Protein backbone atom coordinates (compact mmCIF):
# COMPACT_ATOMS: atom_id res chain seq x y z
CA MET A 1 93.41 162.95 85.41
CA GLY A 2 92.09 161.31 88.55
CA PHE A 3 90.71 158.46 86.47
CA ILE A 4 94.08 158.00 84.78
CA GLY A 5 95.87 157.67 88.07
CA LYS A 6 93.55 154.89 89.23
CA SER A 7 94.62 152.45 86.53
CA LEU A 8 98.06 151.58 85.22
CA LYS A 9 96.41 150.13 82.13
CA ASN A 10 94.61 153.40 81.30
CA THR A 11 97.78 155.36 81.93
CA LEU A 12 99.72 153.21 79.47
CA VAL A 13 96.97 153.44 76.84
CA LEU A 14 96.86 157.23 77.01
CA SER A 15 100.66 157.41 77.06
CA TYR A 16 100.92 155.30 73.90
CA VAL A 17 98.22 157.33 72.15
CA GLY A 18 99.75 160.63 73.28
CA ILE A 19 103.24 159.73 72.09
CA THR A 20 101.87 158.47 68.78
CA LEU A 21 99.86 161.67 68.35
CA MET A 22 102.91 163.87 68.94
CA VAL A 23 104.93 161.85 66.43
CA LEU A 24 102.12 162.10 63.89
CA VAL A 25 101.94 165.88 64.32
CA MET A 26 105.67 166.23 63.65
CA VAL A 27 105.64 163.78 60.75
CA GLY A 28 102.48 165.43 59.41
CA GLY A 29 104.15 168.83 59.31
CA ILE A 30 107.12 167.44 57.41
CA PHE A 31 104.84 165.45 55.11
CA TYR A 32 102.71 168.51 54.32
CA GLY A 33 105.81 170.53 53.48
CA PHE A 34 106.96 167.94 50.96
CA ILE A 35 103.49 167.55 49.45
CA ASP A 36 103.08 171.33 49.18
CA ARG A 37 106.39 171.68 47.32
CA TYR A 38 105.50 168.77 45.07
CA ALA A 39 102.09 170.31 44.29
CA ASP A 40 103.72 173.64 43.46
CA GLN A 41 106.15 171.92 41.14
CA LYS A 42 103.47 169.94 39.35
CA GLU A 43 101.22 172.99 39.04
CA SER A 44 104.09 175.00 37.56
CA GLU A 45 104.84 172.25 35.06
CA VAL A 46 101.18 172.10 33.97
CA VAL A 47 101.02 175.88 33.57
CA GLN A 48 104.20 175.96 31.48
CA THR A 49 103.00 173.13 29.27
CA SER A 50 99.62 174.77 28.76
CA ALA A 51 101.25 178.12 28.08
CA GLN A 52 103.56 176.62 25.46
CA GLN A 53 100.72 174.97 23.62
CA ALA A 54 98.54 178.09 23.83
CA ALA A 55 101.40 180.33 22.66
CA MET A 56 102.01 178.23 19.56
CA GLU A 57 98.33 178.23 18.63
CA LEU A 58 98.04 181.95 19.35
CA ILE A 59 101.00 182.93 17.20
CA LYS A 60 99.77 180.80 14.32
CA PHE A 61 96.32 182.33 14.55
CA ILE A 62 97.57 185.93 14.81
CA GLY A 63 99.72 185.24 11.76
CA ARG A 64 96.46 185.09 9.79
CA GLU A 65 95.84 188.75 10.71
CA PRO A 66 92.41 188.22 12.33
CA VAL A 67 90.16 190.93 13.69
CA LEU A 68 89.70 191.29 17.45
CA ARG A 69 86.34 189.55 17.35
CA GLU A 70 87.84 186.51 15.71
CA LEU A 71 90.80 186.55 18.10
CA ARG A 72 88.42 186.64 21.03
CA LEU A 73 86.44 183.66 19.74
CA PHE A 74 89.68 181.78 19.13
CA LEU A 75 90.89 182.45 22.67
CA GLU A 76 87.58 181.30 24.12
CA SER A 77 87.83 178.02 22.21
CA VAL A 78 91.42 177.47 23.38
CA GLU A 79 90.41 178.25 26.96
CA SER A 80 87.59 175.74 26.79
CA LEU A 81 89.70 172.98 25.25
CA GLN A 82 92.77 173.32 27.48
CA ASN A 83 91.05 174.53 30.65
CA ILE A 84 93.14 177.68 30.78
CA SER A 85 92.55 181.43 30.67
CA ILE A 86 94.19 183.86 28.24
CA ASP A 87 94.00 187.62 28.80
CA PHE A 88 95.32 190.46 26.67
CA VAL A 89 95.71 193.51 28.90
CA SER A 90 97.33 196.90 28.60
CA ALA A 91 100.04 198.18 30.88
CA GLU A 92 97.29 199.71 33.01
CA GLY A 93 95.52 196.37 33.29
CA THR A 94 92.63 197.14 30.88
CA SER A 95 91.54 194.39 28.51
CA LEU A 96 92.53 195.16 24.89
CA PHE A 97 89.15 193.82 23.77
CA GLU A 98 87.53 196.69 25.68
CA MET A 99 89.95 199.34 24.40
CA TYR A 100 89.53 198.68 20.66
CA ASP A 101 86.73 197.98 18.26
CA THR A 102 86.11 194.29 17.69
CA ASN A 103 86.56 194.79 13.93
CA GLU A 104 90.09 196.12 14.29
CA ARG A 105 92.71 193.85 12.74
CA VAL A 106 95.56 192.32 14.73
CA LEU A 107 99.05 192.05 13.21
CA LEU A 108 102.52 190.74 14.16
CA ASN A 109 105.48 192.25 12.35
CA ASP A 110 107.79 189.44 13.46
CA PRO A 111 106.14 186.30 14.92
CA ARG A 112 109.55 184.78 15.76
CA LEU A 113 110.22 187.68 18.08
CA LEU A 114 107.14 186.77 20.17
CA LEU A 115 108.10 183.10 20.13
CA SER A 116 111.61 183.88 21.28
CA SER A 117 110.27 186.10 24.05
CA MET A 118 107.91 183.39 25.31
CA ALA A 119 110.66 180.76 25.15
CA GLN A 120 112.98 182.87 27.29
CA MET A 121 110.15 183.69 29.68
CA MET A 122 109.52 179.97 30.27
CA GLY A 123 113.21 179.07 30.19
CA ASN A 124 112.58 176.37 27.57
CA SER A 125 113.37 177.63 24.06
CA ASP A 126 113.89 174.12 22.73
CA SER A 127 110.25 173.26 23.27
CA LEU A 128 109.28 175.98 20.75
CA GLY A 129 111.99 175.07 18.25
CA LEU A 130 113.94 178.34 18.73
CA GLU A 131 117.40 179.38 19.79
CA PRO A 132 117.57 181.84 22.71
CA ARG A 133 118.29 185.39 21.64
CA GLY A 134 119.85 186.49 24.87
CA ARG A 135 118.43 188.74 27.51
CA MET A 136 115.67 190.99 26.31
CA GLY A 137 115.65 194.65 26.86
CA GLN A 138 113.47 196.69 29.12
CA GLY A 139 109.93 195.43 29.23
CA GLY A 140 111.06 191.99 28.09
CA MET A 141 111.23 188.85 30.30
CA MET A 142 109.39 188.69 33.60
CA ASN A 143 111.09 185.60 35.03
CA SER A 144 108.01 184.02 36.59
CA SER A 145 105.69 181.30 35.43
CA ARG A 146 103.71 181.60 38.62
CA TYR A 147 103.70 184.94 40.39
CA GLU A 148 102.24 186.79 43.32
CA ALA A 149 100.12 189.94 43.01
CA GLU A 150 103.05 192.21 43.81
CA ALA A 151 104.92 190.99 40.67
CA LEU A 152 102.67 193.26 38.54
CA PRO A 153 102.04 196.33 40.67
CA GLU A 154 100.78 198.34 37.70
CA LEU A 155 98.01 195.87 36.82
CA LYS A 156 94.53 196.63 38.07
CA ILE A 157 93.37 193.01 37.78
CA GLN A 158 94.25 190.30 40.32
CA PRO A 159 96.37 187.39 39.01
CA ARG A 160 94.86 183.94 39.14
CA SER A 161 96.25 181.01 41.17
CA ALA A 162 98.75 179.83 38.53
CA GLN A 163 99.66 182.05 35.57
CA SER A 164 102.40 182.77 33.03
CA VAL A 165 102.85 186.43 32.15
CA PHE A 166 104.43 187.59 28.88
CA PRO A 167 105.22 191.31 28.22
CA LEU A 168 104.05 193.00 25.04
CA ASP A 169 106.18 195.89 23.72
CA SER A 170 108.17 196.97 20.69
CA ALA A 171 111.30 195.17 21.85
CA THR A 172 109.69 191.76 22.35
CA THR A 173 106.58 191.31 20.25
CA GLU A 174 105.76 194.28 17.89
CA LEU A 175 102.03 193.47 18.25
CA LEU A 176 99.84 195.93 16.30
CA ILE A 177 96.12 196.58 16.53
CA ASP A 178 94.72 198.84 13.83
CA GLY A 179 98.31 199.89 13.10
CA ASN A 180 98.94 200.89 16.73
CA GLU A 181 101.82 199.23 18.57
CA ILE A 182 100.54 197.59 21.78
CA GLU A 183 102.27 197.65 25.16
CA GLY A 184 100.84 195.34 27.77
CA PHE A 185 100.83 191.70 28.81
CA ILE A 186 99.55 188.30 27.76
CA ILE A 187 98.45 186.42 30.88
CA ILE A 188 97.96 182.65 30.52
CA GLY A 189 96.54 180.97 33.59
CA ASN A 190 95.54 177.43 34.60
CA GLU A 191 91.90 177.03 35.60
CA SER A 192 92.16 173.40 36.83
CA ASP A 193 92.57 172.81 40.61
CA ILE A 194 95.80 170.78 40.30
CA ARG A 195 97.14 171.79 43.70
CA SER A 196 94.04 170.65 45.55
CA SER A 197 93.86 167.42 43.52
CA ILE A 198 97.33 166.53 44.82
CA ILE A 199 97.19 167.82 48.39
CA ARG A 200 93.68 166.69 49.38
CA PRO A 201 94.10 162.94 48.59
CA ALA A 202 97.54 162.97 50.22
CA LEU A 203 96.19 164.59 53.37
CA ALA A 204 93.20 162.22 53.41
CA ALA A 205 95.50 159.20 53.11
CA PHE A 206 97.73 160.58 55.86
CA GLY A 207 94.68 161.18 58.05
CA ILE A 208 93.45 157.61 57.58
CA ALA A 209 96.93 156.25 58.27
CA SER A 210 97.16 158.44 61.38
CA ALA A 211 93.81 157.19 62.66
CA ILE A 212 94.91 153.59 62.12
CA ALA A 213 98.20 154.32 63.88
CA LEU A 214 96.36 155.83 66.86
CA VAL A 215 94.04 152.81 67.09
CA ILE A 216 97.00 150.41 66.90
CA SER A 217 98.93 152.38 69.53
CA GLY A 218 95.86 152.32 71.78
CA LEU A 219 95.53 148.55 71.37
CA LEU A 220 99.24 148.09 72.05
CA GLY A 221 98.92 150.23 75.16
CA LEU A 222 95.92 148.16 76.24
CA LEU A 223 97.78 144.89 75.71
CA MET A 224 100.89 146.14 77.51
CA GLY A 225 98.72 147.52 80.29
CA ARG A 226 97.04 144.17 80.76
CA LYS A 227 100.38 142.38 80.61
CA LEU A 228 101.68 144.59 83.41
CA SER A 229 98.53 145.12 85.44
CA ASN A 230 97.27 141.52 85.53
CA PRO A 231 100.36 140.15 87.37
CA LEU A 232 100.23 143.13 89.70
CA ALA A 233 96.57 142.38 90.36
CA VAL A 234 97.53 138.78 91.22
CA LEU A 235 100.23 140.06 93.58
CA SER A 236 97.76 142.47 95.13
CA GLY A 237 95.29 139.64 95.67
CA SER A 238 97.97 137.54 97.34
CA VAL A 239 98.94 140.41 99.62
CA SER A 240 95.28 140.99 100.43
CA GLY A 241 94.82 137.31 101.25
CA MET A 242 97.85 137.36 103.51
CA SER A 243 96.61 140.50 105.25
CA GLU A 244 93.39 138.61 106.03
CA GLY A 245 95.37 135.89 107.79
CA ASN A 246 95.81 133.32 105.03
CA LEU A 247 99.53 132.63 105.31
CA GLU A 248 99.35 129.78 102.81
CA VAL A 249 98.58 132.10 99.89
CA ARG A 250 101.22 132.16 97.15
CA VAL A 251 101.67 133.85 93.78
CA GLY A 252 100.92 131.51 90.86
CA ALA A 253 103.55 129.75 88.75
CA ARG A 254 102.73 131.92 85.71
CA GLU A 255 103.93 135.06 87.48
CA VAL A 256 106.85 133.33 89.22
CA GLN A 257 108.22 132.00 85.93
CA ARG A 258 108.43 135.46 84.35
CA GLU A 259 111.98 136.65 83.67
CA ASP A 260 111.33 140.34 84.28
CA GLU A 261 111.06 142.48 87.42
CA ILE A 262 107.50 141.29 88.07
CA GLY A 263 108.71 137.69 88.13
CA LEU A 264 111.47 138.67 90.55
CA LEU A 265 108.90 140.42 92.75
CA ALA A 266 106.64 137.33 92.67
CA ARG A 267 109.50 135.04 93.69
CA GLN A 268 110.55 137.35 96.49
CA PHE A 269 106.95 137.53 97.70
CA ASN A 270 106.64 133.74 97.82
CA LEU A 271 109.95 133.50 99.66
CA MET A 272 108.80 136.11 102.15
CA ALA A 273 105.45 134.32 102.56
CA GLU A 274 107.19 131.01 103.26
CA LYS A 275 109.47 132.56 105.86
CA LEU A 276 106.56 134.39 107.44
CA GLU A 277 104.50 131.20 107.55
CA LEU A 278 107.38 129.33 109.19
CA THR A 279 107.89 132.13 111.71
CA VAL A 280 104.20 132.29 112.58
CA GLY A 281 104.13 128.49 112.72
CA ASP A 282 107.02 128.53 115.20
CA LEU A 283 105.22 131.12 117.29
CA LYS A 284 102.03 129.06 117.25
CA THR A 285 104.00 125.96 118.18
CA GLU A 286 105.65 127.74 121.08
CA ARG A 287 102.29 129.13 122.14
CA ASP A 288 100.64 125.71 121.96
CA THR A 289 103.56 124.15 123.76
CA LEU A 290 103.32 126.69 126.53
CA LYS A 291 99.55 126.28 126.64
CA ASN A 292 99.84 122.50 126.89
CA PHE A 293 102.54 122.82 129.51
CA LEU A 294 100.42 125.10 131.69
CA SER A 295 97.35 122.92 131.18
CA ASP A 296 99.22 119.72 131.97
CA ALA A 297 101.07 121.27 134.87
CA SER A 298 97.91 122.59 136.48
CA HIS A 299 96.19 119.24 135.96
CA GLU A 300 98.99 117.03 137.27
CA LEU A 301 100.18 119.28 140.08
CA ARG A 302 96.71 119.67 141.56
CA THR A 303 96.71 116.27 143.34
CA PRO A 304 100.20 116.39 144.94
CA LEU A 305 99.74 120.05 145.89
CA THR A 306 96.42 119.27 147.54
CA ALA A 307 97.98 116.38 149.43
CA LEU A 308 100.97 118.51 150.45
CA ILE A 309 98.72 121.27 151.75
CA ALA A 310 96.65 118.72 153.68
CA TYR A 311 99.75 117.25 155.37
CA LEU A 312 100.98 120.73 156.28
CA GLU A 313 97.61 121.56 157.84
CA LEU A 314 97.73 118.32 159.82
CA LEU A 315 101.20 119.25 161.06
CA GLN A 316 99.88 122.61 162.20
CA GLY A 317 97.06 120.87 164.08
CA GLN A 318 97.04 118.01 166.53
CA GLY A 319 99.24 115.84 164.32
CA GLY A 320 102.20 118.10 165.00
CA SER A 321 102.25 117.25 168.72
CA ASP A 322 102.51 113.50 168.12
CA GLU A 323 106.12 112.68 167.16
CA THR A 324 105.24 109.50 165.27
CA ARG A 325 102.47 111.11 163.26
CA ARG A 326 104.62 114.22 162.68
CA ILE A 327 107.44 112.15 161.17
CA SER A 328 104.94 110.25 159.00
CA TYR A 329 103.36 113.49 157.76
CA LEU A 330 106.76 115.00 157.00
CA GLU A 331 107.82 111.92 155.01
CA ARG A 332 104.61 111.99 153.02
CA SER A 333 104.98 115.73 152.45
CA GLN A 334 108.50 115.11 151.20
CA GLU A 335 107.18 112.44 148.80
CA GLN A 336 104.59 114.83 147.41
CA ALA A 337 107.19 117.59 147.02
CA GLY A 338 109.47 115.15 145.17
CA ARG A 339 106.57 114.15 142.96
CA ILE A 340 105.88 117.80 142.16
CA LYS A 341 109.54 118.29 141.28
CA LEU A 342 109.51 115.19 139.09
CA ILE A 343 106.36 116.24 137.23
CA ILE A 344 107.68 119.75 136.56
CA ALA A 345 111.02 118.39 135.31
CA ARG A 346 109.39 115.87 132.97
CA LEU A 347 106.90 118.44 131.70
CA LEU A 348 109.70 120.85 130.88
CA GLU A 349 111.61 118.11 129.11
CA LEU A 350 108.56 117.04 127.10
CA SER A 351 107.64 120.61 126.17
CA ARG A 352 111.18 121.37 125.08
CA MET A 353 111.37 118.24 122.93
CA GLU A 354 107.93 118.71 121.40
CA GLY A 355 108.63 122.35 120.65
CA ARG A 356 111.84 121.61 118.76
CA GLY A 357 110.33 118.62 116.95
CA ALA A 358 107.23 120.53 115.78
CA ALA A 359 109.34 123.43 114.56
CA GLY A 360 111.53 121.08 112.50
CA LYS A 361 114.71 122.32 114.17
CA ASP A 362 117.96 120.38 114.33
CA LEU A 363 119.04 118.52 117.44
CA LEU A 364 121.09 120.61 119.82
CA HIS A 365 123.66 117.97 120.88
CA ALA A 366 123.69 115.47 118.03
CA SER A 367 126.76 113.32 117.40
CA ARG A 368 127.79 110.10 115.70
CA CYS A 369 127.17 107.25 118.15
CA LYS A 370 127.65 103.49 117.80
CA ALA A 371 124.34 101.67 118.05
CA GLY A 372 125.70 98.91 120.28
CA GLU A 373 127.15 101.35 122.80
CA LEU A 374 123.82 103.22 123.08
CA VAL A 375 121.95 100.01 124.02
CA ASP A 376 124.66 98.72 126.36
CA GLU A 377 124.88 102.02 128.27
CA ALA A 378 121.11 102.07 128.90
CA ILE A 379 121.11 98.44 130.09
CA LEU A 380 124.14 99.01 132.33
CA ALA A 381 122.60 102.11 133.93
CA LEU A 382 119.44 100.22 134.89
CA ASN A 383 121.17 97.05 136.06
CA GLU A 384 123.46 99.04 138.36
CA VAL A 385 120.57 100.77 140.10
CA ALA A 386 119.02 98.69 142.86
CA SER A 387 116.18 99.56 145.19
CA PRO A 388 115.34 97.35 148.19
CA GLU A 389 111.82 98.76 148.44
CA PRO A 390 109.17 96.77 146.64
CA GLY A 391 106.91 98.89 144.51
CA ALA A 392 109.68 101.35 143.73
CA GLY A 393 110.39 101.35 140.02
CA VAL A 394 111.68 103.42 137.17
CA ASP A 395 109.52 105.59 134.93
CA ALA A 396 112.09 106.84 132.46
CA GLY A 397 114.47 107.71 135.26
CA GLU A 398 111.85 109.79 136.95
CA ALA A 399 113.57 110.23 140.29
CA GLU A 400 117.04 109.76 141.59
CA GLY A 401 117.40 106.78 143.90
CA GLU A 402 114.65 104.81 142.14
CA GLY A 403 115.46 101.87 139.90
CA PRO A 404 114.58 98.28 139.10
CA ALA A 405 113.89 95.83 141.91
CA ALA A 406 116.87 94.09 143.41
CA GLY A 407 117.70 91.01 141.46
CA ALA A 408 115.91 92.11 138.30
CA VAL A 409 118.29 91.82 135.38
CA ILE A 410 117.92 93.16 131.83
CA THR A 411 119.57 90.84 129.33
CA ARG A 412 120.52 91.46 125.74
CA LYS A 413 120.32 88.84 123.05
CA THR A 414 122.94 89.32 120.34
CA ASP A 415 123.54 87.69 116.98
CA PRO A 416 127.26 87.15 116.28
CA SER A 417 126.68 87.66 112.55
CA SER A 418 124.89 90.99 113.04
CA THR A 419 126.69 94.28 112.38
CA PHE A 420 124.37 96.21 114.70
CA ASP A 421 126.99 97.16 117.28
CA GLU A 422 129.24 98.88 114.73
CA GLN A 423 126.51 100.79 112.92
CA ILE A 424 126.45 104.59 113.42
CA ILE A 425 123.37 106.51 114.54
CA TYR A 426 123.45 110.29 114.27
CA CYS A 427 121.52 111.30 117.37
CA ASP A 428 121.36 113.16 120.66
CA GLN A 429 122.86 110.49 122.88
CA GLN A 430 121.20 111.78 126.05
CA ILE A 431 117.71 111.71 124.50
CA ILE A 432 118.06 108.22 123.01
CA ASN A 433 119.56 106.90 126.24
CA GLY A 434 116.59 108.34 128.12
CA VAL A 435 114.16 106.72 125.67
CA LEU A 436 115.75 103.27 126.14
CA GLN A 437 115.88 103.58 129.93
CA ASN A 438 112.28 104.78 129.96
CA VAL A 439 110.97 101.74 128.09
CA MET A 440 113.19 99.23 129.94
CA GLY A 441 112.34 100.79 133.31
CA ASN A 442 108.61 100.58 132.57
CA SER A 443 109.02 96.92 131.66
CA ILE A 444 110.60 96.22 135.05
CA LYS A 445 108.15 98.39 137.00
CA PHE A 446 104.99 96.91 135.54
CA SER A 447 106.37 93.35 135.59
CA ARG A 448 106.47 93.55 139.39
CA ILE A 449 102.67 93.63 139.40
CA ASN A 450 102.42 89.92 138.63
CA HIS A 451 105.98 88.99 139.69
CA PRO A 452 106.61 90.20 143.26
CA ASP A 453 109.91 88.29 143.30
CA PRO A 454 112.43 90.30 141.23
CA ALA A 455 114.11 87.09 140.20
CA ASP A 456 111.03 86.17 138.17
CA ILE A 457 111.14 89.39 136.11
CA GLU A 458 112.41 88.88 132.57
CA VAL A 459 113.32 91.85 130.35
CA LEU A 460 114.97 90.93 127.04
CA VAL A 461 116.59 93.37 124.57
CA GLU A 462 117.15 92.23 120.94
CA THR A 463 118.88 94.27 118.21
CA ALA A 464 119.01 94.00 114.42
CA VAL A 465 119.69 95.99 111.24
CA THR A 466 116.86 96.16 108.71
CA ASP A 467 116.64 98.33 105.55
CA GLY A 468 119.11 100.90 106.80
CA HIS A 469 117.55 101.18 110.24
CA ALA A 470 118.53 100.04 113.71
CA VAL A 471 115.74 97.94 115.27
CA ILE A 472 115.68 97.60 119.08
CA THR A 473 113.06 95.22 120.52
CA ILE A 474 112.33 95.14 124.28
CA THR A 475 110.08 92.38 125.67
CA ASP A 476 108.94 91.61 129.22
CA ASN A 477 106.74 89.14 131.11
CA GLY A 478 104.57 91.71 132.81
CA PRO A 479 100.75 91.76 132.92
CA GLY A 480 100.40 93.30 129.44
CA ILE A 481 98.11 96.15 128.44
CA PRO A 482 94.32 96.01 127.95
CA THR A 483 93.50 96.01 124.25
CA ASP A 484 91.31 99.12 124.57
CA ASP A 485 94.21 101.06 126.12
CA LEU A 486 96.85 100.23 123.49
CA PRO A 487 95.99 103.13 121.08
CA ARG A 488 96.48 105.69 123.89
CA VAL A 489 99.55 104.43 125.73
CA PHE A 490 101.69 107.23 124.20
CA ASP A 491 99.26 110.01 125.18
CA ARG A 492 100.54 112.26 127.93
CA PHE A 493 99.14 111.58 131.43
CA TYR A 494 97.11 108.62 130.20
CA ARG A 495 96.91 105.77 132.72
CA SER A 496 95.10 102.53 132.26
CA ALA A 497 92.35 101.72 134.74
CA ALA A 498 94.12 98.39 135.36
CA GLN A 499 97.41 100.10 136.22
CA SER A 500 98.47 99.94 139.85
CA ALA A 501 102.08 101.15 139.56
CA GLU A 502 102.83 104.79 140.31
CA GLY A 503 104.33 107.14 137.73
CA SER A 504 104.06 110.57 136.13
CA GLY A 505 102.13 109.27 133.12
CA ILE A 506 104.31 111.06 130.59
CA GLY A 507 107.24 108.66 130.28
CA LEU A 508 106.05 107.02 127.06
CA ALA A 509 105.00 110.43 125.64
CA ILE A 510 108.58 111.60 126.18
CA ALA A 511 109.92 108.42 124.56
CA LYS A 512 107.74 108.84 121.48
CA THR A 513 108.70 112.51 121.12
CA GLY A 514 112.41 111.68 121.41
CA VAL A 515 112.22 108.97 118.76
CA LYS A 516 110.18 111.19 116.44
CA MET A 517 112.81 113.92 116.71
CA HIS A 518 115.27 111.42 115.19
CA ASN A 519 112.89 110.50 112.33
CA GLY A 520 112.27 107.12 113.93
CA SER A 521 109.24 105.21 115.19
CA ILE A 522 108.16 103.41 118.37
CA THR A 523 105.36 100.87 118.89
CA LEU A 524 104.06 99.03 121.96
CA ASN A 525 101.93 95.86 121.79
CA ASN A 526 101.12 92.77 123.80
CA ARG A 527 103.20 89.66 123.29
CA LEU A 528 101.63 86.93 121.20
CA ASP A 529 104.00 84.09 122.17
CA ILE A 530 102.90 84.05 125.83
CA LYS A 531 99.75 84.97 127.71
CA ASN A 532 101.17 88.10 129.37
CA GLY A 533 103.86 90.64 128.62
CA THR A 534 104.52 93.46 126.17
CA VAL A 535 106.87 94.03 123.24
CA CYS A 536 108.19 97.50 122.40
CA ARG A 537 109.95 98.08 119.08
CA ILE A 538 112.11 101.17 118.49
CA ILE A 539 113.36 101.90 114.94
CA LEU A 540 116.03 104.54 114.28
CA PRO A 541 117.65 105.51 110.93
CA LEU A 542 121.33 104.67 110.52
CA GLU A 543 123.89 107.04 109.07
CA PRO A 544 124.22 106.22 105.31
CA GLU A 545 128.04 106.25 105.42
CA SER A 546 128.14 103.48 108.00
CA LEU A 547 125.89 101.29 105.87
CA SER A 548 128.15 101.62 102.82
CA GLU A 549 131.19 100.81 104.90
CA ARG A 550 129.65 97.61 106.35
CA SER A 551 127.74 96.35 103.32
């Protein structure tokens, strides 16, 4: 039983075979009952037929008044030819051939009386050509063509398997031997094994059919077991793979396409696996985001913190007693503290944006915005900010109070035939505005390297609609970017060796993340029309409804 419980397939096979066996036992009992009755009926018919034929021959022969020896030889010949047994016995069961001399003559006073008696005994007078004479008197009919031993309690011999018994007395036969009236019985029995010849083949055929049925039921159980156990084995393998850490494992299409409960289980498993993979992916993303944040924060905060600590130590020493030096150290400490604040704020912003973008989550504050208004608001914000200090610039709005150099103006080139301004962009307005200000501010800041006079700085913004996308191009006349540094300009905290302007180093990383969150793209290259300067191209998808309205 322990082996059965280890395999669903084996359990089903044994169940099929067991049920089939129980059905066969019940059907076999019913079948044997019918066959047994049929064999009894056929055996009785054979005995009656043999008895009729033997009775006719016997009466004809006795009509010749033979002696007992001749009668005995005649009976032996009839027994041999018809495969039956004929016994003449007294009422006490003793053979008449043993009671009388073999030379004694046998007579019948009225042969028709014996014929009539036999016909009524067998219930078939027509077969002997006689009319029934009614019920015989005492000692007449024994209504049995096949009898049990108790039917003749006075006989000392045992009846054979199938016999017809006819009484001999003065009222039925008037049989005389040597002038003496005989009282006894004529017993005609069948010596052939008719019953066995019917029952044995039938039982053999039933046994063969039962064996075939058991084999077929076992094969059906095996097939059904495989049909059920194989998908379960696949599911078990998938669960095992997932338990080992493979969250990409899925149940195959063959099991998923099933229309039964196993198919439903397979589909539910795949759905659960997908949700689990997404959940674990979100957790990994958040973990990586936090890890990057801590790594970046520790890396970028090390320099300003070291400088801040150094200034504080100088203030505690001799520098604190000199008013001029004290004020200078305090101002520099304040700058380093502001830089720390700026770095932390930008790191938090970048981590938050990267986390939501990697997880595939929707924007928190998305709305339908006109493309023209987005560009104009960014340009206006930068043009309104002025800083009299040279070297102070904007790195994506890094610090309040910082902006483009006085006199630097960002201009926008528009095409009157373009529908850009009225196109709709579904976006987070604050993020896109920050992206535009970041790029434009960098153009102004780095242009001051080779243009100390703000009036010489040129930042141009061009807009267009191409293939269902808003295209914003920002060009400047700054020093450009070394060719080797171009592939890494969007990496966080990457600074070119030729860069002399200050900044957090994550402005362009924030810009790229913001654009990517809106399914857009951003590129930065050197200008080809002049010796120096860069060109930044930002592409954002437009809302489909606005395109159909303006087409």
